[in-house]
Amino acid sequence: MFVEELSKIKECEDRADQVQRDARTEARKRIEDAEAEAGRIAEEAQTKAKDIYDAFMKEGQEESDRKYAAAMKQAETDSTRLVEAAKRNEEKAIGLIVERIVSTSVNR
């Protein structure tokens, strides 16, 4: 009877050791799986972040291009208006200059 009980105890100890080894193996596997999943999630997040960044950059570039085009069009309109105003005053300015030259030359 004592031998049988010792045999059962040994069998239980062996089973407990095997359960511990299996648990360690399973724990290592779960850790590896979790690390792999974390890496996958990090890569996915990085890809999404890059996509969002690229979308904002594209939107910003488009807005910048629109504002630049509008500013250039406004500058062109303003310069055209100034040239036209200058042309309207050109004859008057020439007349004033001629008058001043003549009056300066005559007074000498």
C-alpha atoms as a PDB file:
ATOM      1  CA  MET A   1       0.000   0.000   0.000  1.00  0.00           C
ATOM      2  CA  PHE A   2       2.811   2.432   0.870  1.00  0.00           C
ATOM      3  CA  VAL A   3       4.467   1.775  -2.490  1.00  0.00           C
ATOM      4  CA  GLU A   4       1.211   2.494  -4.291  1.00  0.00           C
ATOM      5  CA  GLU A   5       0.799   5.777  -2.448  1.00  0.00           C
ATOM      6  CA  LEU A   6       4.394   6.766  -3.210  1.00  0.00           C
ATOM      7  CA  SER A   7       3.780   5.889  -6.828  1.00  0.00           C
ATOM      8  CA  LYS A   8       0.628   8.055  -6.884  1.00  0.00           C
ATOM      9  CA  ILE A   9       2.497  10.920  -5.210  1.00  0.00           C
ATOM     10  CA  LYS A  10       5.290  10.619  -7.779  1.00  0.00           C
ATOM     11  CA  GLU A  11       2.709  10.505 -10.553  1.00  0.00           C
ATOM     12  CA  CYS A  12       1.001  13.651  -9.186  1.00  0.00           C
ATOM     13  CA  GLU A  13       4.341  15.448  -8.878  1.00  0.00           C
ATOM     14  CA  ASP A  14       5.212  14.501 -12.439  1.00  0.00           C
ATOM     15  CA  ARG A  15       1.825  15.731 -13.610  1.00  0.00           C
ATOM     16  CA  ALA A  16       2.293  18.989 -11.663  1.00  0.00           C
ATOM     17  CA  ASP A  17       5.736  19.475 -13.232  1.00  0.00           C
ATOM     18  CA  GLN A  18       4.256  18.867 -16.676  1.00  0.00           C
ATOM     19  CA  VAL A  19       1.426  21.338 -15.987  1.00  0.00           C
ATOM     20  CA  GLN A  20       4.025  23.946 -14.928  1.00  0.00           C
ATOM     21  CA  ARG A  21       6.102  23.337 -18.070  1.00  0.00           C
ATOM     22  CA  ASP A  22       2.996  23.549 -20.224  1.00  0.00           C
ATOM     23  CA  ALA A  23       1.936  26.753 -18.447  1.00  0.00           C
ATOM     24  CA  ARG A  24       5.390  28.323 -18.992  1.00  0.00           C
ATOM     25  CA  THR A  25       5.316  27.296 -22.645  1.00  0.00           C
ATOM     26  CA  GLU A  26       1.807  28.706 -23.056  1.00  0.00           C
ATOM     27  CA  ALA A  27       2.799  31.926 -21.247  1.00  0.00           C
ATOM     28  CA  ARG A  28       5.837  32.396 -23.540  1.00  0.00           C
ATOM     29  CA  LYS A  29       3.647  31.768 -26.582  1.00  0.00           C
ATOM     30  CA  ARG A  30       1.044  34.274 -25.394  1.00  0.00           C
ATOM     31  CA  ILE A  31       3.738  36.863 -24.714  1.00  0.00           C
ATOM     32  CA  GLU A  32       5.197  36.332 -28.202  1.00  0.00           C
ATOM     33  CA  ASP A  33       1.726  36.588 -29.727  1.00  0.00           C
ATOM     34  CA  ALA A  34       0.984  39.746 -27.729  1.00  0.00           C
ATOM     35  CA  GLU A  35       4.302  41.311 -28.795  1.00  0.00           C
ATOM     36  CA  ALA A  36       3.604  40.444 -32.425  1.00  0.00           C
ATOM     37  CA  GLU A  37       0.099  41.912 -32.154  1.00  0.00           C
ATOM     38  CA  ALA A  38       1.483  45.054 -30.497  1.00  0.00           C
ATOM     39  CA  GLY A  39       3.993  45.414 -33.335  1.00  0.00           C
ATOM     40  CA  ARG A  40       1.241  44.987 -35.906  1.00  0.00           C
ATOM     41  CA  ILE A  41      -0.942  47.563 -34.136  1.00  0.00           C
ATOM     42  CA  ALA A  42       1.989  50.000 -33.909  1.00  0.00           C
ATOM     43  CA  GLU A  43       2.724  49.622 -37.627  1.00  0.00           C
ATOM     44  CA  GLU A  44      -0.952  50.099 -38.464  1.00  0.00           C
ATOM     45  CA  ALA A  45      -1.111  53.213 -36.275  1.00  0.00           C
ATOM     46  CA  GLN A  46       2.032  54.576 -37.908  1.00  0.00           C
ATOM     47  CA  THR A  47       0.557  53.982 -41.356  1.00  0.00           C
ATOM     48  CA  LYS A  48      -2.696  55.689 -40.368  1.00  0.00           C
ATOM     49  CA  ALA A  49      -0.771  58.612 -38.873  1.00  0.00           C
ATOM     50  CA  LYS A  50       1.224  58.989 -42.099  1.00  0.00           C
ATOM     51  CA  ASP A  51      -1.968  58.870 -44.159  1.00  0.00           C
ATOM     52  CA  ILE A  52      -3.553  61.552 -41.966  1.00  0.00           C
ATOM     53  CA  TYR A  53      -0.378  63.672 -42.157  1.00  0.00           C
ATOM     54  CA  ASP A  54      -0.266  63.305 -45.940  1.00  0.00           C
ATOM     55  CA  ALA A  55      -3.956  64.253 -46.221  1.00  0.00           C
ATOM     56  CA  PHE A  56      -3.445  67.380 -44.089  1.00  0.00           C
ATOM     57  CA  MET A  57      -0.333  68.324 -46.061  1.00  0.00           C
ATOM     58  CA  LYS A  58      -2.205  67.907 -49.351  1.00  0.00           C
ATOM     59  CA  GLU A  59      -5.119  69.959 -48.042  1.00  0.00           C
ATOM     60  CA  GLY A  60      -2.718  72.633 -46.782  1.00  0.00           C
ATOM     61  CA  GLN A  61      -0.857  72.723 -50.088  1.00  0.00           C
ATOM     62  CA  GLU A  62      -4.106  73.050 -52.020  1.00  0.00           C
ATOM     63  CA  GLU A  63      -5.289  75.873 -49.758  1.00  0.00           C
ATOM     64  CA  SER A  64      -1.899  77.548 -50.068  1.00  0.00           C
ATOM     65  CA  ASP A  65      -2.050  77.255 -53.857  1.00  0.00           C
ATOM     66  CA  ARG A  66      -5.570  78.749 -53.908  1.00  0.00           C
ATOM     67  CA  LYS A  67      -4.549  81.646 -51.671  1.00  0.00           C
ATOM     68  CA  TYR A  68      -1.385  82.254 -53.737  1.00  0.00           C
ATOM     69  CA  ALA A  69      -3.396  82.279 -56.967  1.00  0.00           C
ATOM     70  CA  ALA A  70      -5.940  84.673 -55.441  1.00  0.00           C
ATOM     71  CA  ALA A  71      -3.167  86.958 -54.152  1.00  0.00           C
ATOM     72  CA  MET A  72      -1.450  86.948 -57.549  1.00  0.00           C
ATOM     73  CA  LYS A  73      -4.735  87.736 -59.302  1.00  0.00           C
ATOM     74  CA  GLN A  74      -5.381  90.584 -56.848  1.00  0.00           C
ATOM     75  CA  ALA A  75      -1.833  91.909 -57.355  1.00  0.00           C
ATOM     76  CA  GLU A  76      -2.324  91.791 -61.123  1.00  0.00           C
ATOM     77  CA  THR A  77      -5.649  93.638 -60.820  1.00  0.00           C
ATOM     78  CA  ASP A  78      -4.091  96.248 -58.532  1.00  0.00           C
ATOM     79  CA  SER A  79      -1.094  96.767 -60.807  1.00  0.00           C
ATOM     80  CA  THR A  80      -3.342  97.088 -63.865  1.00  0.00           C
ATOM     81  CA  ARG A  81      -5.442  99.667 -62.023  1.00  0.00           C
ATOM     82  CA  LEU A  82      -2.294 101.602 -61.034  1.00  0.00           C
ATOM     83  CA  VAL A  83      -0.973 101.551 -64.606  1.00  0.00           C
ATOM     84  CA  GLU A  84      -4.311 102.830 -65.912  1.00  0.00           C
ATOM     85  CA  ALA A  85      -4.377 105.564 -63.267  1.00  0.00           C
ATOM     86  CA  ALA A  86      -0.815 106.519 -64.176  1.00  0.00           C
ATOM     87  CA  LYS A  87      -1.714 106.671 -67.869  1.00  0.00           C
ATOM     88  CA  ARG A  88      -4.657 108.953 -67.096  1.00  0.00           C
ATOM     89  CA  ASN A  89      -2.334 111.291 -65.192  1.00  0.00           C
ATOM     90  CA  GLU A  90       0.561 110.993 -67.650  1.00  0.00           C
ATOM     91  CA  GLU A  91      -0.375 113.966 -69.833  1.00  0.00           C
ATOM     92  CA  LYS A  92      -1.098 116.101 -66.828  1.00  0.00           C
ATOM     93  CA  ALA A  93       2.278 115.175 -65.307  1.00  0.00           C
ATOM     94  CA  ILE A  94       4.081 115.872 -68.595  1.00  0.00           C
ATOM     95  CA  GLY A  95       2.383 119.251 -68.778  1.00  0.00           C
ATOM     96  CA  LEU A  96       3.468 120.130 -65.238  1.00  0.00           C
ATOM     97  CA  ILE A  97       7.049 119.070 -65.939  1.00  0.00           C
ATOM     98  CA  VAL A  98       7.188 121.041 -69.186  1.00  0.00           C
ATOM     99  CA  GLU A  99       5.699 124.045 -67.430  1.00  0.00           C
ATOM    100  CA  ARG A 100       8.283 123.855 -64.677  1.00  0.00           C
ATOM    101  CA  ILE A 101      11.148 123.446 -67.156  1.00  0.00           C
ATOM    102  CA  VAL A 102       9.909 126.398 -69.187  1.00  0.00           C
ATOM    103  CA  SER A 103       9.355 128.575 -66.141  1.00  0.00           C
ATOM    104  CA  THR A 104      12.775 127.667 -64.775  1.00  0.00           C
ATOM    105  CA  SER A 105      14.436 128.365 -68.128  1.00  0.00           C
ATOM    106  CA  VAL A 106      12.651 131.682 -68.604  1.00  0.00           C
ATOM    107  CA  ASN A 107      13.458 132.948 -65.125  1.00  0.00           C
ATOM    108  CA  ARG A 108      17.176 132.557 -65.607  1.00  0.00           C
END
